Amino acid sequence: MRIETITYKRVKSLGNYQNETMEVTAVLDQYDDPNEVSERLRELVKSQLFPPESVPTQTDDF
């Protein structure tokens, strides 16, 4: 069996009966590892739907 494409889709609840959906698809070539590609797709979607929150830097006032 040869895998030619991998699609990953995730839904984020925005609350108040709303959601946001993101779906990405990768076309594999003969040298791609399907496990690695699917992990990269998951990470891409996660970073887009759930971006890291910026942490405010603390400064000491003297």
Protein backbone atom coordinates (compact mmCIF):
# COMPACT_ATOMS: atom_id res chain seq x y z
CA MET A 1 0.00 0.00 0.00
CA ARG A 2 1.33 3.43 -0.93
CA ILE A 3 0.05 6.53 0.85
CA GLU A 4 -0.14 9.49 -1.53
CA THR A 5 -1.86 12.17 0.58
CA ILE A 6 -2.44 12.81 4.26
CA THR A 7 -5.11 15.17 5.56
CA TYR A 8 -5.46 16.38 9.13
CA LYS A 9 -8.47 18.36 10.37
CA ARG A 10 -9.18 19.82 13.80
CA VAL A 11 -12.07 21.80 15.24
CA LYS A 12 -11.60 24.42 17.96
CA SER A 13 -14.57 25.46 20.08
CA LEU A 14 -14.79 29.24 20.36
CA GLY A 15 -17.65 29.05 22.83
CA ASN A 16 -21.14 30.46 22.38
CA TYR A 17 -21.93 27.63 19.89
CA GLN A 18 -19.18 28.76 17.50
CA ASN A 19 -16.15 26.88 16.27
CA GLU A 20 -13.21 27.24 13.94
CA THR A 21 -12.00 24.45 11.68
CA MET A 22 -8.62 24.06 10.04
CA GLU A 23 -7.69 21.33 7.60
CA VAL A 24 -4.35 20.77 5.88
CA THR A 25 -3.35 18.24 3.25
CA ALA A 26 0.12 17.10 2.24
CA VAL A 27 1.02 15.31 -0.97
CA LEU A 28 3.75 12.79 -0.29
CA ASP A 29 6.56 11.83 -2.56
CA GLN A 30 8.29 8.46 -2.52
CA TYR A 31 10.85 9.56 0.09
CA ASP A 32 8.43 11.03 2.67
CA ASP A 33 7.77 9.15 5.89
CA PRO A 34 3.96 9.22 6.39
CA ASN A 35 4.33 9.20 10.19
CA GLU A 36 6.63 12.21 10.12
CA VAL A 37 4.44 14.11 7.68
CA SER A 38 1.27 13.47 9.71
CA GLU A 39 3.03 14.69 12.87
CA ARG A 40 4.11 17.87 11.08
CA LEU A 41 0.54 18.46 9.91
CA ARG A 42 -0.78 18.03 13.46
CA GLU A 43 1.80 20.48 14.79
CA LEU A 44 0.99 23.02 12.06
CA VAL A 45 -2.74 22.92 12.78
CA LYS A 46 -2.16 23.07 16.54
CA SER A 47 0.11 26.11 16.21
CA GLN A 48 -2.47 27.91 14.05
CA LEU A 49 -5.55 27.15 16.15
CA PHE A 50 -3.83 27.33 19.53
CA PRO A 51 -0.93 29.79 19.22
CA PRO A 52 1.29 30.03 22.28
CA GLU A 53 0.24 32.82 24.55
CA SER A 54 2.81 35.51 24.97
CA VAL A 55 4.06 35.58 28.53
CA PRO A 56 4.61 39.11 29.86
CA THR A 57 8.10 39.67 31.14
CA GLN A 58 8.44 40.68 34.74
CA THR A 59 10.64 43.56 35.68
CA ASP A 60 11.64 44.39 39.21
CA ASP A 61 11.04 47.99 40.16
CA PHE A 62 13.65 49.21 42.62
